[in-house]
Amino acid sequence: MSITTKTGDAGDTSLANGERISKAHVRVEAYGTVDELNSFLGLAKHFLPDYEREIIEEIQRDLFRVAAELAKGEKYVRLINDEDVEKLTKYVHYYEESVKLDSFVIPGETIPSAYLDVCRTVARRSERLVVRLSKDEAVRSDIVKYLNRLSDLLYIMARFVEGKHLTKVRGSQL
């Protein structure tokens, strides 16, 4: 079986529920940007320490669920919920214990932090697109919360991996 179906040659695509919509639809842009974020995270994790790599892989699995729901495949996945958002919040607090944030940051001080900063900006774009989609169609608020918290986590994690920390707190991992 070929992945070439030619069904999208006219500029439309199928959602997970079989509905056909334009590839220019904000829904397609939203889940496509979540996919882009997932791909950049896949790149970033190769430059990260083990613990951060584990967190990123967990997030990548979550992002497959986000993208599936945005593609109207909610019946195929466990939906992102408050528990997932709280997990990210705990990670943010974990890094806040050891990162000194006292000035603006110019991205790119180290390769790992630069990749995480790219991921952060793509997460923010994903969030904006999901909010835009929610103005016309029903979108669960948990998705927006998750993407918002994720961008916070990627920012603080980038600062951590570039060495802007006071002390490492590895003993108190989540």
Protein backbone atom coordinates (compact mmCIF):
# COMPACT_ATOMS: atom_id res chain seq x y z
CA MET A 1 0.00 0.00 0.00
CA SER A 2 1.41 3.39 -0.98
CA ILE A 3 1.22 6.52 1.15
CA THR A 4 0.44 8.34 -2.09
CA THR A 5 -3.36 8.42 -2.34
CA LYS A 6 -3.76 11.50 -4.56
CA THR A 7 -6.86 12.40 -2.52
CA GLY A 8 -5.22 15.65 -1.42
CA ASP A 9 -4.12 16.76 -4.88
CA ALA A 10 -6.97 19.27 -5.10
CA GLY A 11 -6.03 20.96 -1.81
CA ASP A 12 -8.22 19.21 0.69
CA THR A 13 -7.52 16.55 3.29
CA SER A 14 -9.34 14.03 5.47
CA LEU A 15 -9.71 14.47 9.19
CA ALA A 16 -9.56 11.44 11.47
CA ASN A 17 -13.37 11.17 11.44
CA GLY A 18 -13.44 11.04 7.63
CA GLU A 19 -14.59 14.63 7.11
CA ARG A 20 -12.86 16.42 4.21
CA ILE A 21 -11.69 20.01 4.66
CA SER A 22 -9.36 22.45 2.94
CA LYS A 23 -5.69 22.15 3.74
CA ALA A 24 -5.86 25.93 4.30
CA HIS A 25 -8.37 25.52 7.17
CA VAL A 26 -7.16 26.79 10.55
CA ARG A 27 -7.82 23.32 12.01
CA VAL A 28 -5.28 21.77 9.65
CA GLU A 29 -2.85 24.59 10.41
CA ALA A 30 -3.33 23.99 14.15
CA TYR A 31 -2.69 20.25 14.17
CA GLY A 32 0.04 20.64 11.56
CA THR A 33 1.82 23.11 13.81
CA VAL A 34 1.50 20.73 16.75
CA ASP A 35 3.11 18.10 14.49
CA GLU A 36 5.88 20.58 13.62
CA LEU A 37 6.45 21.18 17.34
CA ASN A 38 6.64 17.44 17.93
CA SER A 39 9.26 17.13 15.19
CA PHE A 40 11.38 19.96 16.60
CA LEU A 41 11.16 18.36 20.05
CA GLY A 42 12.42 15.16 18.44
CA LEU A 43 15.45 17.08 17.24
CA ALA A 44 15.98 18.93 20.53
CA LYS A 45 15.95 15.80 22.69
CA HIS A 46 19.14 14.52 21.05
CA PHE A 47 21.04 17.38 22.65
CA LEU A 48 19.55 17.10 26.14
CA PRO A 49 20.58 15.31 29.32
CA ASP A 50 18.75 12.08 30.14
CA TYR A 51 16.14 13.53 32.53
CA GLU A 52 15.15 16.31 30.14
CA ARG A 53 15.05 13.82 27.26
CA GLU A 54 12.59 11.70 29.23
CA ILE A 55 10.34 14.72 29.82
CA ILE A 56 10.45 15.66 26.14
CA GLU A 57 9.53 12.12 25.07
CA GLU A 58 6.58 12.19 27.47
CA ILE A 59 5.49 15.52 25.96
CA GLN A 60 5.85 14.11 22.44
CA ARG A 61 3.38 11.35 23.31
CA ASP A 62 1.01 13.99 24.69
CA LEU A 63 1.32 16.06 21.52
CA PHE A 64 0.22 13.09 19.40
CA ARG A 65 -2.95 13.11 21.51
CA VAL A 66 -3.38 16.88 21.06
CA ALA A 67 -2.94 16.62 17.29
CA ALA A 68 -5.31 13.66 17.09
CA GLU A 69 -8.02 15.57 18.93
CA LEU A 70 -7.51 18.65 16.75
CA ALA A 71 -7.86 16.38 13.70
CA LYS A 72 -11.21 15.20 15.12
CA GLY A 73 -9.82 11.85 16.20
CA GLU A 74 -10.82 12.28 19.83
CA LYS A 75 -12.42 8.84 19.98
CA TYR A 76 -9.03 7.25 19.26
CA VAL A 77 -6.97 8.79 22.09
CA ARG A 78 -7.12 9.67 25.77
CA LEU A 79 -7.80 13.39 25.77
CA ILE A 80 -5.47 15.91 27.36
CA ASN A 81 -6.89 16.90 30.74
CA ASP A 82 -6.17 18.93 33.88
CA GLU A 83 -3.90 16.16 35.15
CA ASP A 84 -1.66 16.57 32.08
CA VAL A 85 -1.59 20.34 32.53
CA GLU A 86 -0.73 19.93 36.21
CA LYS A 87 2.12 17.57 35.31
CA LEU A 88 3.67 20.30 33.16
CA THR A 89 3.10 22.83 35.94
CA LYS A 90 5.04 20.59 38.35
CA TYR A 91 7.90 20.38 35.88
CA VAL A 92 7.92 24.18 35.59
CA HIS A 93 8.08 24.50 39.38
CA TYR A 94 10.87 21.92 39.52
CA TYR A 95 13.04 24.00 37.18
CA GLU A 96 12.08 27.27 38.85
CA GLU A 97 13.71 25.97 42.03
CA SER A 98 17.10 26.05 40.37
CA VAL A 99 16.98 28.62 37.57
CA LYS A 100 17.80 32.26 38.14
CA LEU A 101 15.62 34.47 35.95
CA ASP A 102 16.78 38.04 36.35
CA SER A 103 16.97 39.43 32.83
CA PHE A 104 15.76 39.01 29.26
CA VAL A 105 17.39 36.20 27.34
CA ILE A 106 18.70 36.21 23.81
CA PRO A 107 18.10 32.67 22.49
CA GLY A 108 21.01 30.63 21.24
CA GLU A 109 23.55 30.61 24.02
CA THR A 110 23.90 26.83 23.67
CA ILE A 111 22.70 24.38 21.05
CA PRO A 112 20.34 22.53 23.44
CA SER A 113 18.77 25.77 24.71
CA ALA A 114 18.49 27.15 21.18
CA TYR A 115 16.52 24.09 20.06
CA LEU A 116 14.26 24.35 23.11
CA ASP A 117 13.67 28.03 22.35
CA VAL A 118 12.64 27.15 18.79
CA CYS A 119 10.26 24.59 20.28
CA ARG A 120 8.90 27.24 22.66
CA THR A 121 8.08 29.61 19.81
CA VAL A 122 6.39 26.84 17.82
CA ALA A 123 4.39 25.91 20.94
CA ARG A 124 3.26 29.54 21.20
CA ARG A 125 2.24 29.55 17.54
CA SER A 126 0.32 26.29 18.10
CA GLU A 127 -1.48 27.89 21.02
CA ARG A 128 -2.42 30.97 18.96
CA LEU A 129 -3.80 28.79 16.17
CA VAL A 130 -5.83 26.68 18.58
CA VAL A 131 -7.25 29.86 20.15
CA ARG A 132 -8.11 31.14 16.67
CA LEU A 133 -9.82 27.83 15.86
CA SER A 134 -11.77 28.04 19.13
CA LYS A 135 -13.36 31.32 17.99
CA ASP A 136 -15.27 29.42 15.27
CA GLU A 137 -15.42 25.84 16.51
CA ALA A 138 -15.56 24.01 19.81
CA VAL A 139 -12.10 23.32 21.23
CA ARG A 140 -11.61 22.07 24.74
CA SER A 141 -9.83 24.58 26.98
CA ASP A 142 -7.47 21.86 28.25
CA ILE A 143 -5.65 21.96 24.90
CA VAL A 144 -4.99 25.70 25.18
CA LYS A 145 -3.90 25.32 28.81
CA TYR A 146 -1.57 22.46 27.90
CA LEU A 147 0.12 24.38 25.07
CA ASN A 148 0.45 27.48 27.23
CA ARG A 149 2.06 25.55 30.07
CA LEU A 150 4.26 23.69 27.62
CA SER A 151 5.75 26.92 26.28
CA ASP A 152 6.49 27.99 29.88
CA LEU A 153 8.22 24.67 30.52
CA LEU A 154 10.28 24.86 27.35
CA TYR A 155 11.45 28.36 28.29
CA ILE A 156 12.54 27.45 31.81
CA MET A 157 14.06 24.15 30.64
CA ALA A 158 16.10 26.03 28.03
CA ARG A 159 17.46 28.32 30.74
CA PHE A 160 18.30 25.27 32.86
CA VAL A 161 20.21 23.40 30.16
CA GLU A 162 22.24 26.47 29.23
CA GLY A 163 23.52 26.56 32.78
CA LYS A 164 21.57 29.49 34.21
CA HIS A 165 20.93 27.55 37.39
CA LEU A 166 22.06 28.19 40.93
CA THR A 167 22.07 24.58 42.09
CA LYS A 168 20.94 21.35 40.55
CA VAL A 169 18.08 19.70 42.38
CA ARG A 170 18.21 16.28 40.76
CA GLY A 171 17.42 14.61 44.08
CA SER A 172 13.89 16.05 44.02
CA GLN A 173 12.89 14.83 40.55
CA LEU A 174 9.19 14.35 40.03
